[in-house]
Amino acid sequence: MTFGREVRRRRGVLGLTLEQLAEQSGLTPNYIGTVENGRRDPSLSTVLALAKGLGISAGELVGGTGVSSPSSEAAALLEALPPDVQAAVLDLLRVLSRRRRSSREP
């Protein structure tokens, strides 16, 4: 997978617009779009800025397999939510987990 496609995929997983990623990374939406479309080869400082904006390490962005585990994608999505929504989601997951365990018990 190309670097630009990986940036776009991860941005999509997090539900970020180009404008939001630009704000979080200190880059312009237009520039990020050209990187995602493969029209620009990013410098090291751009890779670092994009990784920071996506909340991951540069190594993960550049050297990643291109496949995130469901748990890492879930964690990234959860971290992107406001704290009160995070708490509610965690409470829901705890309840579902308890129900699943109790339904397995004889």
C-alpha atoms as a PDB file:
ATOM      1  CA  MET A   1       0.000   0.000   0.000  1.00  0.00           C
ATOM      2  CA  THR A   2       1.363   3.446  -0.839  1.00  0.00           C
ATOM      3  CA  PHE A   3       2.049   5.983   1.857  1.00  0.00           C
ATOM      4  CA  GLY A   4      -0.728   8.312   0.675  1.00  0.00           C
ATOM      5  CA  ARG A   5      -3.327   5.561   0.629  1.00  0.00           C
ATOM      6  CA  GLU A   6      -2.285   4.518   4.132  1.00  0.00           C
ATOM      7  CA  VAL A   7      -2.733   8.101   5.371  1.00  0.00           C
ATOM      8  CA  ARG A   8      -6.192   8.244   3.775  1.00  0.00           C
ATOM      9  CA  ARG A   9      -7.185   4.838   5.182  1.00  0.00           C
ATOM     10  CA  ARG A  10      -6.120   5.751   8.709  1.00  0.00           C
ATOM     11  CA  ARG A  11      -7.806   9.156   8.464  1.00  0.00           C
ATOM     12  CA  GLY A  12     -10.995   7.382   7.397  1.00  0.00           C
ATOM     13  CA  VAL A  13     -10.792   4.892  10.265  1.00  0.00           C
ATOM     14  CA  LEU A  14     -10.580   7.813  12.674  1.00  0.00           C
ATOM     15  CA  GLY A  15     -13.420   9.640  10.932  1.00  0.00           C
ATOM     16  CA  LEU A  16     -11.271  12.712  10.320  1.00  0.00           C
ATOM     17  CA  THR A  17     -11.825  15.173   7.499  1.00  0.00           C
ATOM     18  CA  LEU A  18      -8.856  16.612   5.636  1.00  0.00           C
ATOM     19  CA  GLU A  19      -9.425  19.841   7.546  1.00  0.00           C
ATOM     20  CA  GLN A  20      -9.349  18.090  10.924  1.00  0.00           C
ATOM     21  CA  LEU A  21      -6.166  16.195  10.102  1.00  0.00           C
ATOM     22  CA  ALA A  22      -4.630  19.410   8.800  1.00  0.00           C
ATOM     23  CA  GLU A  23      -5.414  21.171  12.063  1.00  0.00           C
ATOM     24  CA  GLN A  24      -4.011  18.308  14.134  1.00  0.00           C
ATOM     25  CA  SER A  25      -0.868  17.989  12.022  1.00  0.00           C
ATOM     26  CA  GLY A  26      -0.111  21.634  11.244  1.00  0.00           C
ATOM     27  CA  LEU A  27      -0.333  21.041   7.490  1.00  0.00           C
ATOM     28  CA  THR A  28      -2.817  22.366   4.963  1.00  0.00           C
ATOM     29  CA  PRO A  29      -5.749  20.262   3.744  1.00  0.00           C
ATOM     30  CA  ASN A  30      -4.635  20.822   0.137  1.00  0.00           C
ATOM     31  CA  TYR A  31      -1.137  19.520   0.843  1.00  0.00           C
ATOM     32  CA  ILE A  32      -2.445  16.440   2.686  1.00  0.00           C
ATOM     33  CA  GLY A  33      -4.756  15.775  -0.268  1.00  0.00           C
ATOM     34  CA  THR A  34      -1.825  15.819  -2.694  1.00  0.00           C
ATOM     35  CA  VAL A  35       0.064  13.374  -0.451  1.00  0.00           C
ATOM     36  CA  GLU A  36      -2.968  11.070  -0.205  1.00  0.00           C
ATOM     37  CA  ASN A  37      -3.384  11.140  -3.982  1.00  0.00           C
ATOM     38  CA  GLY A  38       0.287  10.283  -4.528  1.00  0.00           C
ATOM     39  CA  ARG A  39       1.118  13.565  -6.246  1.00  0.00           C
ATOM     40  CA  ARG A  40       3.721  14.476  -3.605  1.00  0.00           C
ATOM     41  CA  ASP A  41       6.437  12.561  -1.856  1.00  0.00           C
ATOM     42  CA  PRO A  42       6.371  13.745   1.745  1.00  0.00           C
ATOM     43  CA  SER A  43       9.472  14.914   3.569  1.00  0.00           C
ATOM     44  CA  LEU A  44      10.430  13.403   6.905  1.00  0.00           C
ATOM     45  CA  SER A  45       8.933  16.403   8.708  1.00  0.00           C
ATOM     46  CA  THR A  46       5.644  15.835   6.841  1.00  0.00           C
ATOM     47  CA  VAL A  47       5.613  12.141   7.774  1.00  0.00           C
ATOM     48  CA  LEU A  48       6.187  13.085  11.417  1.00  0.00           C
ATOM     49  CA  ALA A  49       3.444  15.735  11.309  1.00  0.00           C
ATOM     50  CA  LEU A  50       0.932  13.360   9.725  1.00  0.00           C
ATOM     51  CA  ALA A  51       1.738  10.621  12.217  1.00  0.00           C
ATOM     52  CA  LYS A  52       1.261  13.075  15.075  1.00  0.00           C
ATOM     53  CA  GLY A  53      -2.060  14.219  13.596  1.00  0.00           C
ATOM     54  CA  LEU A  54      -3.202  10.603  13.313  1.00  0.00           C
ATOM     55  CA  GLY A  55      -2.054   9.811  16.837  1.00  0.00           C
ATOM     56  CA  ILE A  56       0.410   7.096  15.796  1.00  0.00           C
ATOM     57  CA  SER A  57       4.164   6.733  15.473  1.00  0.00           C
ATOM     58  CA  ALA A  58       5.877   7.597  12.212  1.00  0.00           C
ATOM     59  CA  GLY A  59       7.224   4.050  12.075  1.00  0.00           C
ATOM     60  CA  GLU A  60       3.718   2.653  12.277  1.00  0.00           C
ATOM     61  CA  LEU A  61       2.580   4.945   9.472  1.00  0.00           C
ATOM     62  CA  VAL A  62       5.554   4.272   7.193  1.00  0.00           C
ATOM     63  CA  GLY A  63       6.444   0.718   8.067  1.00  0.00           C
ATOM     64  CA  GLY A  64       3.049  -0.611   8.972  1.00  0.00           C
ATOM     65  CA  THR A  65       1.645  -3.647   7.297  1.00  0.00           C
ATOM     66  CA  GLY A  66      -1.310  -1.639   6.106  1.00  0.00           C
ATOM     67  CA  VAL A  67      -3.624  -3.787   8.193  1.00  0.00           C
ATOM     68  CA  SER A  68      -4.747  -2.662  11.610  1.00  0.00           C
ATOM     69  CA  SER A  69      -6.154  -5.105  14.071  1.00  0.00           C
ATOM     70  CA  PRO A  70      -9.772  -4.572  15.047  1.00  0.00           C
ATOM     71  CA  SER A  71      -8.675  -3.716  18.582  1.00  0.00           C
ATOM     72  CA  SER A  72      -6.209  -1.045  17.444  1.00  0.00           C
ATOM     73  CA  GLU A  73      -8.816   0.503  15.148  1.00  0.00           C
ATOM     74  CA  ALA A  74     -11.374   0.414  17.979  1.00  0.00           C
ATOM     75  CA  ALA A  75      -8.876   2.066  20.317  1.00  0.00           C
ATOM     76  CA  ALA A  76      -8.151   4.800  17.788  1.00  0.00           C
ATOM     77  CA  LEU A  77     -11.844   5.434  17.233  1.00  0.00           C
ATOM     78  CA  LEU A  78     -12.503   5.505  20.985  1.00  0.00           C
ATOM     79  CA  GLU A  79      -9.670   7.962  21.593  1.00  0.00           C
ATOM     80  CA  ALA A  80     -11.118  10.303  18.980  1.00  0.00           C
ATOM     81  CA  LEU A  81     -14.374  10.621  20.966  1.00  0.00           C
ATOM     82  CA  PRO A  82     -15.084  13.186  23.690  1.00  0.00           C
ATOM     83  CA  PRO A  83     -14.340  11.929  27.234  1.00  0.00           C
ATOM     84  CA  ASP A  84     -18.002  11.584  28.214  1.00  0.00           C
ATOM     85  CA  VAL A  85     -18.757   9.481  25.142  1.00  0.00           C
ATOM     86  CA  GLN A  86     -15.635   7.381  25.805  1.00  0.00           C
ATOM     87  CA  ALA A  87     -16.900   6.636  29.307  1.00  0.00           C
ATOM     88  CA  ALA A  88     -20.341   5.644  28.015  1.00  0.00           C
ATOM     89  CA  VAL A  89     -18.863   3.339  25.362  1.00  0.00           C
ATOM     90  CA  LEU A  90     -16.589   1.694  27.929  1.00  0.00           C
ATOM     91  CA  ASP A  91     -19.537   1.171  30.286  1.00  0.00           C
ATOM     92  CA  LEU A  92     -21.511  -0.441  27.463  1.00  0.00           C
ATOM     93  CA  LEU A  93     -18.602  -2.729  26.558  1.00  0.00           C
ATOM     94  CA  ARG A  94     -18.236  -3.803  30.185  1.00  0.00           C
ATOM     95  CA  VAL A  95     -21.936  -4.702  30.377  1.00  0.00           C
ATOM     96  CA  LEU A  96     -21.768  -6.646  27.113  1.00  0.00           C
ATOM     97  CA  SER A  97     -18.650  -8.460  28.266  1.00  0.00           C
ATOM     98  CA  ARG A  98     -20.297  -9.492  31.547  1.00  0.00           C
ATOM     99  CA  ARG A  99     -23.395 -10.723  29.702  1.00  0.00           C
ATOM    100  CA  ARG A 100     -21.302 -12.771  27.321  1.00  0.00           C
ATOM    101  CA  ARG A 101     -19.338 -14.378  30.174  1.00  0.00           C
ATOM    102  CA  SER A 102     -22.484 -15.161  32.148  1.00  0.00           C
ATOM    103  CA  SER A 103     -24.183 -16.748  29.124  1.00  0.00           C
ATOM    104  CA  ARG A 104     -21.216 -19.134  28.739  1.00  0.00           C
ATOM    105  CA  GLU A 105     -21.361 -20.354  32.337  1.00  0.00           C
ATOM    106  CA  PRO A 106     -23.245 -23.657  32.846  1.00  0.00           C
END
